[in-house]
C-alpha atoms as a PDB file:
ATOM      1  CA  MET A   1       1.977  -6.151  17.430  1.00  0.00           C
ATOM      2  CA  ILE A   2       0.911  -3.701  15.012  1.00  0.00           C
ATOM      3  CA  ARG A   3       1.325  -5.154  10.698  1.00  0.00           C
ATOM      4  CA  HIS A   4       0.938  -2.079   8.458  1.00  0.00           C
ATOM      5  CA  ILE A   5      -0.097  -3.389   4.717  1.00  0.00           C
ATOM      6  CA  VAL A   6      -0.215  -1.325   2.359  1.00  0.00           C
ATOM      7  CA  PHE A   7      -1.068  -1.415  -1.336  1.00  0.00           C
ATOM      8  CA  PHE A   8      -0.594   1.025  -4.503  1.00  0.00           C
ATOM      9  CA  THR A   9      -1.327   1.084  -8.311  1.00  0.00           C
ATOM     10  CA  ALA A  10       0.389   3.307 -10.637  1.00  0.00           C
ATOM     11  CA  ARG A  11      -1.780   5.734 -12.435  1.00  0.00           C
ATOM     12  CA  ASP A  12       1.513   5.477 -15.140  1.00  0.00           C
ATOM     13  CA  GLN A  13       3.924   2.606 -15.208  1.00  0.00           C
ATOM     14  CA  ALA A  14       6.577   5.014 -16.464  1.00  0.00           C
ATOM     15  CA  ASP A  15       6.589   6.274 -12.766  1.00  0.00           C
ATOM     16  CA  LEU A  16       7.130   2.326 -11.070  1.00  0.00           C
ATOM     17  CA  ASP A  17      10.405   3.826 -10.326  1.00  0.00           C
ATOM     18  CA  ARG A  18       9.430   7.082  -8.606  1.00  0.00           C
ATOM     19  CA  ILE A  19       6.485   5.444  -6.460  1.00  0.00           C
ATOM     20  CA  ARG A  20       9.551   2.820  -4.823  1.00  0.00           C
ATOM     21  CA  GLU A  21      12.216   5.465  -4.695  1.00  0.00           C
ATOM     22  CA  GLY A  22       9.141   7.704  -2.493  1.00  0.00           C
ATOM     23  CA  LEU A  23       7.761   4.770  -0.795  1.00  0.00           C
ATOM     24  CA  GLU A  24      11.404   3.367   0.710  1.00  0.00           C
ATOM     25  CA  THR A  25      11.845   6.912   1.846  1.00  0.00           C
ATOM     26  CA  LEU A  26       9.542   5.068   5.234  1.00  0.00           C
ATOM     27  CA  GLY A  27      12.038   2.927   5.489  1.00  0.00           C
ATOM     28  CA  GLN A  28      14.072   5.375   7.105  1.00  0.00           C
ATOM     29  CA  ILE A  29      11.467   6.151   9.296  1.00  0.00           C
ATOM     30  CA  PRO A  30      13.101   4.178  13.244  1.00  0.00           C
ATOM     31  CA  HIS A  31       9.663   2.846  14.611  1.00  0.00           C
ATOM     32  CA  ALA A  32       8.724   0.432  12.996  1.00  0.00           C
ATOM     33  CA  ARG A  33      10.461  -3.093  14.070  1.00  0.00           C
ATOM     34  CA  HIS A  34      10.071  -4.863  10.769  1.00  0.00           C
ATOM     35  CA  PHE A  35       9.800  -2.404   7.216  1.00  0.00           C
ATOM     36  CA  GLU A  36       9.652  -3.447   3.150  1.00  0.00           C
ATOM     37  CA  VAL A  37       8.347  -2.562   0.634  1.00  0.00           C
ATOM     38  CA  GLY A  38       8.313  -4.659  -2.677  1.00  0.00           C
ATOM     39  CA  ARG A  39       6.561  -5.577  -6.386  1.00  0.00           C
ATOM     40  CA  ASN A  40       3.748  -6.838  -6.947  1.00  0.00           C
ATOM     41  CA  MET A  41       4.507 -10.240  -9.281  1.00  0.00           C
ATOM     42  CA  HIS A  42       1.307 -10.158  -9.866  1.00  0.00           C
ATOM     43  CA  ALA A  43      -0.042 -13.885  -9.733  1.00  0.00           C
ATOM     44  CA  ASP A  44      -2.962 -13.385  -8.067  1.00  0.00           C
ATOM     45  CA  ARG A  45      -5.240 -12.844 -11.617  1.00  0.00           C
ATOM     46  CA  LEU A  46      -9.101 -13.726 -10.172  1.00  0.00           C
ATOM     47  CA  THR A  47      -9.821  -9.522  -9.009  1.00  0.00           C
ATOM     48  CA  GLY A  48      -8.738  -8.161 -11.947  1.00  0.00           C
ATOM     49  CA  ALA A  49      -7.211  -5.552  -9.611  1.00  0.00           C
ATOM     50  CA  GLU A  50      -3.081  -5.131 -10.275  1.00  0.00           C
ATOM     51  CA  VAL A  51      -1.478  -4.080  -7.915  1.00  0.00           C
ATOM     52  CA  ASP A  52       1.847  -2.318  -7.884  1.00  0.00           C
ATOM     53  CA  PHE A  53       3.442  -2.497  -4.919  1.00  0.00           C
ATOM     54  CA  VAL A  54       2.614  -3.348  -0.987  1.00  0.00           C
ATOM     55  CA  VAL A  55       4.334  -1.845   1.881  1.00  0.00           C
ATOM     56  CA  TYR A  56       4.488  -3.448   4.757  1.00  0.00           C
ATOM     57  CA  ALA A  57       5.917  -2.228   8.248  1.00  0.00           C
ATOM     58  CA  GLU A  58       5.296  -4.497  11.964  1.00  0.00           C
ATOM     59  CA  PHE A  59       5.033  -1.938  14.615  1.00  0.00           C
ATOM     60  CA  ASP A  60       5.366  -2.946  18.736  1.00  0.00           C
ATOM     61  CA  ASN A  61       1.696  -0.834  19.168  1.00  0.00           C
ATOM     62  CA  GLU A  62      -0.254   1.878  18.524  1.00  0.00           C
ATOM     63  CA  ASP A  63       2.123   4.379  19.512  1.00  0.00           C
ATOM     64  CA  ASP A  64       4.649   2.779  17.494  1.00  0.00           C
ATOM     65  CA  LEU A  65       2.230   3.330  14.086  1.00  0.00           C
ATOM     66  CA  ALA A  66       1.117   6.458  15.338  1.00  0.00           C
ATOM     67  CA  ALA A  67       4.543   8.152  16.068  1.00  0.00           C
ATOM     68  CA  TYR A  68       6.100   6.832  12.531  1.00  0.00           C
ATOM     69  CA  LYS A  69       2.508   8.473  10.702  1.00  0.00           C
ATOM     70  CA  ALA A  70       3.334  11.573  12.334  1.00  0.00           C
ATOM     71  CA  ASP A  71       7.150  12.197  10.997  1.00  0.00           C
ATOM     72  CA  PRO A  72       8.146  14.625   9.193  1.00  0.00           C
ATOM     73  CA  ILE A  73       9.707  11.048   6.834  1.00  0.00           C
ATOM     74  CA  TYR A  74       5.584  10.289   6.628  1.00  0.00           C
ATOM     75  CA  SER A  75       4.223  13.454   5.504  1.00  0.00           C
ATOM     76  CA  ARG A  76       7.412  14.160   2.033  1.00  0.00           C
ATOM     77  CA  ALA A  77       6.620  10.252   0.855  1.00  0.00           C
ATOM     78  CA  ILE A  78       2.581  11.504   1.237  1.00  0.00           C
ATOM     79  CA  GLU A  79       4.123  14.353  -1.146  1.00  0.00           C
ATOM     80  CA  LEU A  80       5.680  12.802  -3.225  1.00  0.00           C
ATOM     81  CA  VAL A  81       3.430   9.499  -3.450  1.00  0.00           C
ATOM     82  CA  LYS A  82       0.034  10.623  -3.831  1.00  0.00           C
ATOM     83  CA  PRO A  83       0.323  12.651  -7.619  1.00  0.00           C
ATOM     84  CA  LEU A  84       2.063   9.266  -9.274  1.00  0.00           C
ATOM     85  CA  ARG A  85      -0.255   6.874  -7.704  1.00  0.00           C
ATOM     86  CA  ASP A  86      -3.760   5.528  -8.608  1.00  0.00           C
ATOM     87  CA  MET A  87      -5.076   3.746  -5.684  1.00  0.00           C
ATOM     88  CA  ARG A  88      -3.943   3.289  -1.816  1.00  0.00           C
ATOM     89  CA  ILE A  89      -5.453   1.172  -0.196  1.00  0.00           C
ATOM     90  CA  ALA A  90      -4.311   0.073   4.078  1.00  0.00           C
ATOM     91  CA  ALA A  91      -5.032  -2.129   6.671  1.00  0.00           C
ATOM     92  CA  ASP A  92      -3.931  -2.326   9.745  1.00  0.00           C
ATOM     93  CA  ILE A  93      -3.961  -4.948  12.010  1.00  0.00           C
ATOM     94  CA  GLN A  94      -3.050  -5.941  15.940  1.00  0.00           C
ATOM     95  CA  SER A  95      -1.261  -9.823  15.828  1.00  0.00           C
ATOM     96  CA  ASP A  96      -0.136 -11.655  19.197  1.00  0.00           C
END
């Protein structure tokens, strides 16, 4: 299984709802075994970094993850969210 985790920070806090809406469109892509978008609770004050949203998805294999990223909905979500975000960090990890 592949765990796909992406962190987002808004440029402007006024855009949080628009960012969430854009990220939630990714849940329409059928290749994920599990998909969720969550608002960060800002519980970790040690780093000083303020992540606003976390996207978490699980895929059975790398082919499913690649199909997810190749889907037109994925491209559209990027178009919606990229101008509104300040930071994006993504990680894909293999899990048993």
